[in-house]
Amino acid sequence: MDTSKNKEIIFNKTNVKNINYIDLCCGIGGFRVALESFQKKNTNYNFNCVLSSDIKGDAIKTYNLNFNENNNKTDIFNINEIESFQLLCSGFPCQPFSSAGNKQGFDDNRGLIIFKIIDICKKYRPEFVILENVSNLIILENGKSLKKICDEFTNIGYFVSYKKLNASNFGIPQNRERVFIVCSLEKCIDLDKIKYVNPENKLDTIIDYKAKYTDIENKFANKILNLHSQTPLFGYKMQDKRGGKKNIHSWDIGINGYLSILERSLMNIIMTERRKKHWAEKKNIVWTDGMPLTLDEISTFYENDNLKEMLDNLVQKNYLRLEKPKKIVNAKRVYDDNGEFGYNICKGKLSFPITNILDPKATSPTLTATDSNKLAVIIDDKFIRKLNDNELKLLCGFPLSYNIPNDVNKYDLFGNMVIPDVVEGVLNCIFKL
C-alpha cells in the first residue's frame, strides 16, 4: 500500500489544513472532544476521524451516541487496513503500568498494545502521534518501560518528547497526573511550551448544590452525617488499613457495632503494627504491607488481661478476621498455607460505600475505574451522595451536552478517560507554536 500521502498534512484551496486522524483505545472520546474543541477555536484546521476503536462495549456505545457513529467493539490487534491518516491518538491501556495495579508493564498482555500502535505507525507513517498513559510509566522499572517506548518510535524515524501533565493545571479541579508522549516526523515538539489555563479552579465550581438527595445506604449515611455534625468531614477518607488525621475508620463510627475506648485503641495499634517489617523477620516470611499478627505477637505491644476476649469480640463484630499471612506469587499476593493464623484488619477502602468525602475548596483525587463511584459530596450538611452525571462531566473536562447512556457503568468510563482540556493543551503546542 502506498502510504506516502500520510507524510504531510493536506492543504486545500482555502488554506484549511485537512488532517485525518485515528482514535485508538478511544474510550468515551476524550481525544475527539479535544480535537473538536481545538477546531472550533482554530478554523484553519479541519480534523476528520477515519477510525475509532475500543474493546469495551460501554465505551463504544457511549462514543457512538455522542459522535453519531456506528463503530463496533474492536480489538486493536484485529485492525489491518486503515484509510490514510496524518495523526494517531491513543490513551493506551494504563493498567499494566499503573501504581494501582500489578505494574507488570510489558509482561501484561495489555502492555503489548503499544507495540501494535508502533507497528501501525511504522506502516502508515502518520506525521504526529499523541499518546497518554499513567504518570507511573515514567518511573516504572527505573524508567526502562518509557525509554523502550521512546526508543521504538525513534528507531522508526520519529522525534519523541514526553511530559507529565496534571489536569489541575488546565482548569480541571481533579489531581490527575498523566504522561503524554508526542512523536513527530518533522521535528521534536517542545512540550515545555505548553500553556496552563485557570489552575486555581476548585471543586465548588462544579458541584451541583441543587442536587439534594442521599444515594448511599441510609444506616451508613446517617453515621457519617452524624460525625460530620460534630467534626466537618470535608477532605476525609474512609479507610481501615491506613491512619492519618483525616481518616475515618469503621470502628470510629461503629459500622459493625460500637466499640469501647480500649477496643478502638487496640484497633488503632494493630492497624499500625501490622505494617512493620520486623514482624516479617520474626515470622521468617517475605514482608507484605499488612500482615496478620498472632495473639502472642499482639501481646508484646498491648497488655491487657482480657486481650483474647477483646480480639474475639473484634472478630465477631467483623472488625478483625483470622487469616494466614500472604506470599507473593507472580506479582500477586496469595495466602501461604504454611503460615500461622493471626488477626488482621477486615476492610480496605473499597469495602465501604465511599472512599473520599470531597472538599469543595480543594481538588478531587484522581478518578479511577475502581473507586470513582465512591467519591462523595455532602450537601447542606444534610445529604451525602455520589457524583452525579453533570459533576462527572465537568470534573473530567467534558461538556454538559455530552450524553451518558443509562445502561453503562459511567464511573468506570470516566475513571478511564483522557481529559480533553489537557489534550487541547498538547494540540496547541503541536499546531500553534
Protein backbone atom coordinates (compact mmCIF):
# COMPACT_ATOMS: atom_id res chain seq x y z
CA MET A 1 0.00 0.00 0.00
CA ASP A 2 1.30 3.48 -0.87
CA THR A 3 1.20 5.46 2.34
CA SER A 4 3.38 8.36 1.20
CA LYS A 5 0.49 10.83 1.35
CA ASN A 6 0.36 10.19 5.11
CA LYS A 7 3.63 12.03 5.50
CA GLU A 8 2.22 15.51 5.25
CA ILE A 9 -0.91 17.39 6.18
CA ILE A 10 -3.06 18.24 3.17
CA PHE A 11 -3.88 21.89 2.38
CA ASN A 12 -6.92 22.69 0.27
CA LYS A 13 -7.52 25.77 -1.85
CA THR A 14 -8.86 27.80 1.06
CA ASN A 15 -5.72 27.16 3.15
CA VAL A 16 -7.63 24.92 5.55
CA LYS A 17 -5.39 22.15 6.83
CA ASN A 18 -7.21 18.83 6.47
CA ILE A 19 -6.00 16.27 8.97
CA ASN A 20 -7.30 12.72 9.10
CA TYR A 21 -6.77 11.00 12.43
CA ILE A 22 -7.40 7.69 14.13
CA ASP A 23 -8.57 7.30 17.72
CA LEU A 24 -7.24 4.04 19.16
CA CYS A 25 -8.28 2.77 22.61
CA CYS A 26 -10.66 5.68 22.25
CA GLY A 27 -12.67 5.18 25.44
CA ILE A 28 -15.51 7.69 25.53
CA GLY A 29 -13.75 10.11 23.21
CA GLY A 30 -11.58 12.46 25.24
CA PHE A 31 -9.20 12.97 22.32
CA ARG A 32 -12.08 13.58 19.94
CA VAL A 33 -13.75 16.12 22.24
CA ALA A 34 -10.41 17.95 22.42
CA LEU A 35 -9.90 17.91 18.65
CA GLU A 36 -13.40 19.24 18.00
CA SER A 37 -12.89 21.99 20.57
CA PHE A 38 -9.50 22.90 19.09
CA GLN A 39 -11.01 23.03 15.59
CA LYS A 40 -13.79 25.41 16.68
CA LYS A 41 -11.17 27.82 18.00
CA ASN A 42 -8.83 27.33 15.04
CA THR A 43 -10.96 27.27 11.91
CA ASN A 44 -7.95 26.88 9.63
CA TYR A 45 -7.82 23.23 10.75
CA ASN A 46 -10.27 20.51 9.76
CA PHE A 47 -9.91 17.22 11.64
CA ASN A 48 -11.62 14.12 10.32
CA CYS A 49 -11.73 10.87 12.29
CA VAL A 50 -11.31 7.87 9.97
CA LEU A 51 -11.10 5.13 12.62
CA SER A 52 -12.24 4.76 16.24
CA SER A 53 -11.67 1.58 18.19
CA ASP A 54 -12.03 0.29 21.73
CA ILE A 55 -12.52 -3.16 23.21
CA LYS A 56 -15.03 -2.01 25.86
CA GLY A 57 -18.67 -2.26 24.86
CA ASP A 58 -19.83 0.51 27.24
CA ALA A 59 -17.16 2.87 25.91
CA ILE A 60 -18.03 2.30 22.25
CA LYS A 61 -21.74 2.61 22.96
CA THR A 62 -21.17 5.98 24.65
CA TYR A 63 -18.75 7.11 21.93
CA ASN A 64 -21.21 6.23 19.16
CA LEU A 65 -24.03 8.07 20.88
CA ASN A 66 -22.05 11.29 21.14
CA PHE A 67 -20.38 11.28 17.74
CA ASN A 68 -23.29 9.83 15.77
CA GLU A 69 -21.36 6.78 14.57
CA ASN A 70 -21.84 3.03 14.49
CA ASN A 71 -18.45 1.65 15.50
CA ASN A 72 -18.21 -1.94 16.65
CA LYS A 73 -16.27 -3.08 19.70
CA THR A 74 -12.84 -3.80 18.20
CA ASP A 75 -9.64 -5.38 19.44
CA ILE A 76 -6.74 -3.26 18.20
CA PHE A 77 -4.86 -6.43 17.22
CA ASN A 78 -7.57 -7.14 14.65
CA ILE A 79 -7.07 -3.83 12.82
CA ASN A 80 -5.41 -4.41 9.45
CA GLU A 81 -6.17 -1.79 6.80
CA ILE A 82 -6.72 1.89 7.63
CA GLU A 83 -7.65 4.86 5.48
CA SER A 84 -4.91 7.46 5.02
CA PHE A 85 -4.30 9.50 8.20
CA GLN A 86 -1.83 12.06 9.50
CA LEU A 87 -2.45 11.92 13.25
CA LEU A 88 -2.72 8.96 15.64
CA CYS A 89 -4.21 9.43 19.12
CA SER A 90 -4.32 6.78 21.81
CA GLY A 91 -4.81 6.53 25.53
CA PHE A 92 -3.37 3.02 25.50
CA PRO A 93 -4.20 0.77 28.50
CA CYS A 94 -2.75 2.04 31.74
CA GLN A 95 -3.36 -1.00 33.97
CA PRO A 96 -0.01 -2.68 33.18
CA PHE A 97 1.82 0.48 34.25
CA SER A 98 -0.45 1.85 36.98
CA SER A 99 0.63 2.11 40.62
CA ALA A 100 -2.88 0.88 41.46
CA GLY A 101 -2.31 -2.34 39.50
CA ASN A 102 0.31 -5.06 39.46
CA LYS A 103 2.77 -2.90 37.50
CA GLN A 104 3.73 -5.75 35.19
CA GLY A 105 4.34 -3.46 32.23
CA PHE A 106 5.03 -5.35 29.03
CA ASP A 107 4.61 -8.69 30.84
CA ASP A 108 0.89 -7.88 30.92
CA ASN A 109 -0.75 -8.61 27.54
CA ARG A 110 -2.40 -5.19 27.63
CA GLY A 111 1.08 -3.69 27.75
CA LEU A 112 1.75 -5.14 24.31
CA ILE A 113 -0.85 -2.85 22.73
CA ILE A 114 1.77 -0.11 22.48
CA PHE A 115 3.78 -2.32 20.12
CA LYS A 116 0.75 -2.75 17.88
CA ILE A 117 0.49 1.04 17.80
CA ILE A 118 4.16 1.28 16.87
CA ASP A 119 3.62 -1.26 14.06
CA ILE A 120 0.74 0.86 12.74
CA CYS A 121 2.96 3.95 12.80
CA LYS A 122 5.74 2.07 11.04
CA LYS A 123 3.36 1.05 8.27
CA TYR A 124 1.33 4.25 7.81
CA ARG A 125 3.80 6.93 8.92
CA PRO A 126 1.38 9.49 10.43
CA GLU A 127 3.00 12.88 10.84
CA PHE A 128 2.04 13.13 14.50
CA VAL A 129 1.37 10.68 17.33
CA ILE A 130 -0.14 11.65 20.69
CA LEU A 131 -0.16 9.00 23.42
CA GLU A 132 -1.40 9.21 27.00
CA ASN A 133 -0.78 6.94 29.98
CA VAL A 134 -0.39 6.98 33.76
CA SER A 135 2.49 9.03 35.13
CA ASN A 136 3.82 5.89 36.82
CA LEU A 137 5.12 4.91 33.39
CA ILE A 138 7.93 7.44 33.92
CA ILE A 139 9.34 5.61 36.97
CA LEU A 140 8.33 2.00 36.26
CA GLU A 141 11.44 -0.19 36.18
CA ASN A 142 13.51 2.96 36.75
CA GLY A 143 12.19 4.45 33.52
CA LYS A 144 13.02 1.45 31.33
CA SER A 145 9.44 0.99 30.09
CA LEU A 146 9.12 4.59 28.92
CA LYS A 147 12.61 4.54 27.39
CA LYS A 148 11.69 1.37 25.50
CA ILE A 149 8.62 3.07 24.00
CA CYS A 150 10.56 6.22 23.08
CA ASP A 151 13.41 4.21 21.55
CA GLU A 152 10.99 2.18 19.42
CA PHE A 153 9.50 5.34 17.95
CA THR A 154 12.94 6.86 17.45
CA ASN A 155 14.06 3.74 15.61
CA ILE A 156 11.26 4.15 13.04
CA GLY A 157 12.13 7.77 12.35
CA TYR A 158 10.23 9.87 14.89
CA PHE A 159 11.33 12.74 17.11
CA VAL A 160 9.95 11.92 20.55
CA SER A 161 9.18 14.05 23.58
CA TYR A 162 7.18 13.42 26.72
CA LYS A 163 5.93 15.35 29.72
CA LYS A 164 3.94 14.70 32.87
CA LEU A 165 0.86 16.91 32.92
CA ASN A 166 -1.71 17.43 35.65
CA ALA A 167 -5.34 18.17 34.76
CA SER A 168 -5.47 20.60 37.70
CA ASN A 169 -3.22 22.95 35.69
CA PHE A 170 -5.80 23.16 32.91
CA GLY A 171 -8.81 24.41 34.84
CA ILE A 172 -9.96 20.93 35.88
CA PRO A 173 -10.45 20.50 39.67
CA GLN A 174 -9.01 16.98 39.62
CA ASN A 175 -5.50 15.96 40.63
CA ARG A 176 -4.90 13.71 37.63
CA GLU A 177 -1.30 13.29 36.54
CA ARG A 178 -0.66 11.63 33.19
CA VAL A 179 2.33 11.33 30.91
CA PHE A 180 1.86 12.49 27.32
CA ILE A 181 4.19 11.17 24.64
CA VAL A 182 4.30 13.16 21.40
CA CYS A 183 6.02 11.88 18.26
CA SER A 184 6.64 13.93 15.12
CA LEU A 185 8.31 13.14 11.79
CA GLU A 186 9.45 16.72 11.21
CA LYS A 187 10.89 17.97 14.49
CA CYS A 188 10.85 17.45 18.24
CA ILE A 189 7.81 19.06 19.85
CA ASP A 190 8.81 21.14 22.88
CA LEU A 191 6.17 20.23 25.45
CA ASP A 192 7.69 22.62 27.96
CA LYS A 193 5.95 25.38 25.97
CA ILE A 194 2.51 24.10 26.90
CA LYS A 195 0.42 26.88 28.38
CA TYR A 196 -1.58 26.21 31.54
CA VAL A 197 -5.08 27.61 31.96
CA ASN A 198 -7.04 28.55 35.13
CA PRO A 199 -5.02 26.35 37.52
CA GLU A 200 -6.92 27.58 40.59
CA ASN A 201 -10.33 26.01 39.89
CA LYS A 202 -11.71 24.09 42.86
CA LEU A 203 -14.49 21.56 43.27
CA ASP A 204 -17.07 24.12 44.33
CA THR A 205 -17.08 25.32 40.71
CA ILE A 206 -18.52 22.01 39.51
CA ILE A 207 -20.57 20.68 42.46
CA ASP A 208 -24.31 20.66 41.79
CA TYR A 209 -25.61 22.11 45.05
CA LYS A 210 -29.20 21.87 43.84
CA ALA A 211 -28.99 18.06 43.76
CA LYS A 212 -30.12 17.46 47.34
CA TYR A 213 -30.53 13.74 47.97
CA THR A 214 -28.73 10.80 49.54
CA ASP A 215 -27.99 7.77 47.36
CA ILE A 216 -25.86 5.88 49.89
CA GLU A 217 -27.20 3.21 52.25
CA ASN A 218 -29.14 5.05 54.97
CA LYS A 219 -27.56 3.49 58.06
CA PHE A 220 -24.05 4.25 56.81
CA ALA A 221 -25.01 7.73 55.57
CA ASN A 222 -26.56 8.65 58.92
CA LYS A 223 -23.41 7.62 60.79
CA ILE A 224 -21.25 9.75 58.50
CA LEU A 225 -23.59 12.76 58.69
CA ASN A 226 -23.79 12.45 62.48
CA LEU A 227 -20.00 12.52 62.74
CA HIS A 228 -19.92 15.40 60.23
CA SER A 229 -22.22 17.42 62.52
CA GLN A 230 -19.52 17.15 65.22
CA THR A 231 -16.42 17.50 63.05
CA PRO A 232 -16.63 18.73 59.44
CA LEU A 233 -15.51 15.82 57.27
CA PHE A 234 -14.63 17.66 54.07
CA GLY A 235 -11.47 16.08 52.65
CA TYR A 236 -11.71 12.97 54.85
CA LYS A 237 -11.07 9.42 53.64
CA MET A 238 -12.75 6.15 54.63
CA GLN A 239 -10.06 3.54 55.12
CA ASP A 240 -9.48 0.90 57.81
CA LYS A 241 -5.98 -0.13 56.77
CA ARG A 242 -4.41 3.34 56.99
CA GLY A 243 -4.25 6.10 59.57
CA GLY A 244 -3.93 9.86 59.44
CA LYS A 245 -5.73 12.86 60.89
CA LYS A 246 -8.28 12.96 58.07
CA ASN A 247 -9.12 9.27 58.03
CA ILE A 248 -12.37 7.67 59.18
CA HIS A 249 -12.22 4.05 60.37
CA SER A 250 -15.22 1.77 60.56
CA TRP A 251 -14.66 1.47 64.33
CA ASP A 252 -14.71 5.27 64.69
CA ILE A 253 -18.37 5.36 63.72
CA GLY A 254 -19.35 1.86 64.85
CA ILE A 255 -20.38 0.47 61.47
CA ASN A 256 -20.49 -3.10 62.81
CA GLY A 257 -21.38 -2.13 66.35
CA TYR A 258 -19.90 0.40 68.74
CA LEU A 259 -16.59 -0.36 70.45
CA SER A 260 -15.22 0.65 73.83
CA ILE A 261 -12.38 3.14 74.09
CA LEU A 262 -9.99 0.25 74.81
CA GLU A 263 -11.18 -1.70 71.78
CA ARG A 264 -10.79 1.30 69.48
CA SER A 265 -7.32 1.87 70.89
CA LEU A 266 -6.42 -1.76 70.20
CA MET A 267 -7.69 -1.47 66.63
CA ASN A 268 -5.56 1.62 66.02
CA ILE A 269 -2.44 -0.08 67.36
CA ILE A 270 -2.98 -3.25 65.31
CA MET A 271 -3.56 -1.11 62.20
CA THR A 272 -0.11 0.41 62.64
CA GLU A 273 1.83 -2.63 63.87
CA ARG A 274 0.70 -4.95 61.07
CA ARG A 275 2.71 -2.88 58.57
CA LYS A 276 6.06 -3.05 60.39
CA LYS A 277 8.77 -5.01 58.64
CA HIS A 278 10.30 -6.56 61.76
CA TRP A 279 7.30 -8.90 62.02
CA ALA A 280 8.25 -10.48 58.70
CA GLU A 281 11.73 -11.13 60.03
CA LYS A 282 10.38 -12.73 63.22
CA LYS A 283 7.91 -14.85 61.24
CA ASN A 284 10.59 -15.73 58.68
CA ILE A 285 8.32 -14.67 55.82
CA VAL A 286 8.59 -12.11 53.00
CA TRP A 287 7.24 -8.76 54.15
CA THR A 288 3.91 -7.66 52.75
CA ASP A 289 2.14 -4.46 53.71
CA GLY A 290 -0.39 -5.53 56.32
CA MET A 291 0.43 -8.89 57.91
CA PRO A 292 -1.81 -10.81 60.33
CA LEU A 293 -0.43 -10.86 63.89
CA THR A 294 -0.90 -13.72 66.35
CA LEU A 295 -2.17 -13.38 69.92
CA ASP A 296 1.37 -13.79 71.25
CA GLU A 297 2.70 -11.12 68.89
CA ILE A 298 -0.05 -8.65 69.78
CA SER A 299 0.54 -9.23 73.49
CA THR A 300 4.11 -7.89 73.09
CA PHE A 301 2.82 -4.39 72.35
CA TYR A 302 -0.62 -4.38 74.02
CA GLU A 303 -1.03 -5.54 77.59
CA ASN A 304 -4.49 -6.47 78.80
CA ASP A 305 -5.64 -9.45 80.87
CA ASN A 306 -8.68 -9.77 78.58
CA LEU A 307 -6.78 -9.44 75.30
CA LYS A 308 -8.00 -12.75 73.87
CA GLU A 309 -11.62 -11.88 74.66
CA MET A 310 -11.19 -8.43 73.14
CA LEU A 311 -9.75 -9.88 69.94
CA ASP A 312 -12.50 -12.49 69.69
CA ASN A 313 -15.13 -9.75 70.09
CA LEU A 314 -13.50 -7.73 67.33
CA VAL A 315 -13.59 -10.80 65.08
CA GLN A 316 -17.23 -11.43 65.94
CA LYS A 317 -18.09 -7.83 65.03
CA ASN A 318 -16.14 -8.16 61.76
CA TYR A 319 -13.52 -5.53 62.53
CA LEU A 320 -10.76 -8.18 62.57
CA ARG A 321 -10.50 -11.55 60.90
CA LEU A 322 -8.32 -14.60 61.43
CA GLU A 323 -6.20 -15.36 58.41
CA LYS A 324 -2.81 -16.70 57.36
CA PRO A 325 -0.03 -14.44 56.08
CA LYS A 326 0.39 -13.93 52.35
CA LYS A 327 3.24 -14.51 49.96
CA ILE A 328 3.97 -13.07 46.53
CA VAL A 329 3.34 -15.37 43.54
CA ASN A 330 3.54 -13.95 40.02
CA ALA A 331 3.27 -10.40 41.37
CA LYS A 332 0.08 -11.27 43.27
CA ARG A 333 -0.50 -11.75 47.00
CA VAL A 334 -1.81 -15.23 47.87
CA TYR A 335 -2.29 -16.96 51.22
CA ASP A 336 0.62 -19.04 52.49
CA ASP A 337 -0.83 -22.39 53.56
CA ASN A 338 2.19 -23.00 55.76
CA GLY A 339 1.71 -19.78 57.70
CA GLU A 340 0.24 -19.34 61.18
CA PHE A 341 -3.20 -17.82 61.68
CA GLY A 342 -3.25 -14.28 63.01
CA TYR A 343 -5.54 -11.28 63.41
CA ASN A 344 -5.83 -8.77 60.57
CA ILE A 345 -7.93 -5.74 59.61
CA CYS A 346 -11.05 -6.75 57.68
CA LYS A 347 -11.80 -3.87 55.38
CA GLY A 348 -9.89 -1.93 52.77
CA LYS A 349 -11.21 1.32 51.31
CA LEU A 350 -13.23 -0.36 48.57
CA SER A 351 -15.25 -2.25 51.19
CA PHE A 352 -17.18 0.91 52.04
CA PRO A 353 -19.88 2.82 50.14
CA ILE A 354 -17.49 5.77 49.88
CA THR A 355 -13.72 6.24 49.95
CA ASN A 356 -13.48 10.04 49.98
CA ILE A 357 -15.64 12.93 51.12
CA LEU A 358 -14.65 15.67 48.73
CA ASP A 359 -13.58 19.08 49.94
CA PRO A 360 -15.30 21.82 47.87
CA LYS A 361 -12.36 24.15 48.46
CA ALA A 362 -9.83 21.66 47.09
CA THR A 363 -9.35 19.48 44.02
CA SER A 364 -10.60 15.95 43.64
CA PRO A 365 -8.25 12.98 43.88
CA THR A 366 -7.69 11.10 40.65
CA LEU A 367 -10.80 9.40 39.36
CA THR A 368 -10.16 5.70 38.77
CA ALA A 369 -12.31 2.95 37.31
CA THR A 370 -12.41 1.14 40.66
CA ASP A 371 -13.46 3.92 43.00
CA SER A 372 -14.90 6.84 41.03
CA ASN A 373 -18.29 5.65 42.27
CA LYS A 374 -17.07 6.02 45.86
CA LEU A 375 -16.29 9.74 45.84
CA ALA A 376 -18.94 11.58 47.84
CA VAL A 377 -20.12 15.13 48.37
CA ILE A 378 -22.01 16.47 51.37
CA ILE A 379 -24.73 18.99 50.52
CA ASP A 380 -26.12 21.43 53.11
CA ASP A 381 -24.72 19.18 55.88
CA LYS A 382 -27.84 17.01 55.42
CA PHE A 383 -27.26 14.92 52.32
CA ILE A 384 -24.38 12.70 51.20
CA ARG A 385 -24.27 11.36 47.69
CA LYS A 386 -22.05 10.16 44.87
CA LEU A 387 -21.01 12.40 41.98
CA ASN A 388 -23.85 12.84 39.52
CA ASP A 389 -23.65 12.87 35.72
CA ASN A 390 -23.01 16.59 35.32
CA GLU A 391 -20.36 16.62 38.04
CA LEU A 392 -18.56 13.70 36.39
CA LYS A 393 -18.56 15.51 33.06
CA LEU A 394 -17.23 18.78 34.46
CA LEU A 395 -14.70 17.04 36.69
CA CYS A 396 -13.29 15.38 33.57
CA GLY A 397 -13.49 18.36 31.21
CA PHE A 398 -16.40 17.09 29.12
CA PRO A 399 -19.20 19.46 28.04
CA LEU A 400 -22.56 19.27 29.78
CA SER A 401 -24.06 18.43 26.38
CA TYR A 402 -22.15 15.13 26.40
CA ASN A 403 -24.61 12.23 26.67
CA ILE A 404 -24.24 9.27 29.03
CA PRO A 405 -26.40 6.20 28.27
CA ASN A 406 -28.48 4.95 31.17
CA ASP A 407 -27.22 1.38 31.00
CA VAL A 408 -23.44 1.90 31.13
CA ASN A 409 -21.06 1.98 34.08
CA LYS A 410 -20.41 5.72 33.94
CA TYR A 411 -17.96 5.67 36.85
CA ASP A 412 -15.79 3.09 35.11
CA LEU A 413 -15.87 5.10 31.88
CA PHE A 414 -14.95 8.43 33.46
CA GLY A 415 -12.27 6.73 35.54
CA ASN A 416 -10.57 5.63 32.32
CA MET A 417 -10.97 8.67 30.04
CA VAL A 418 -8.39 11.20 28.90
CA ILE A 419 -9.03 14.82 29.93
CA PRO A 420 -9.89 16.86 26.79
CA ASP A 421 -8.52 20.13 28.22
CA VAL A 422 -5.07 18.58 28.68
CA VAL A 423 -5.15 17.11 25.16
CA GLU A 424 -6.09 20.54 23.80
CA GLY A 425 -3.07 21.99 25.57
CA VAL A 426 -0.89 19.45 23.74
CA LEU A 427 -2.63 20.22 20.42
CA ASN A 428 -1.90 23.92 20.89
CA CYS A 429 1.74 23.07 21.45
CA ILE A 430 1.89 20.96 18.27
CA PHE A 431 -0.15 23.02 15.83
CA LYS A 432 0.09 26.62 17.05
CA LEU A 433 3.57 27.12 18.46
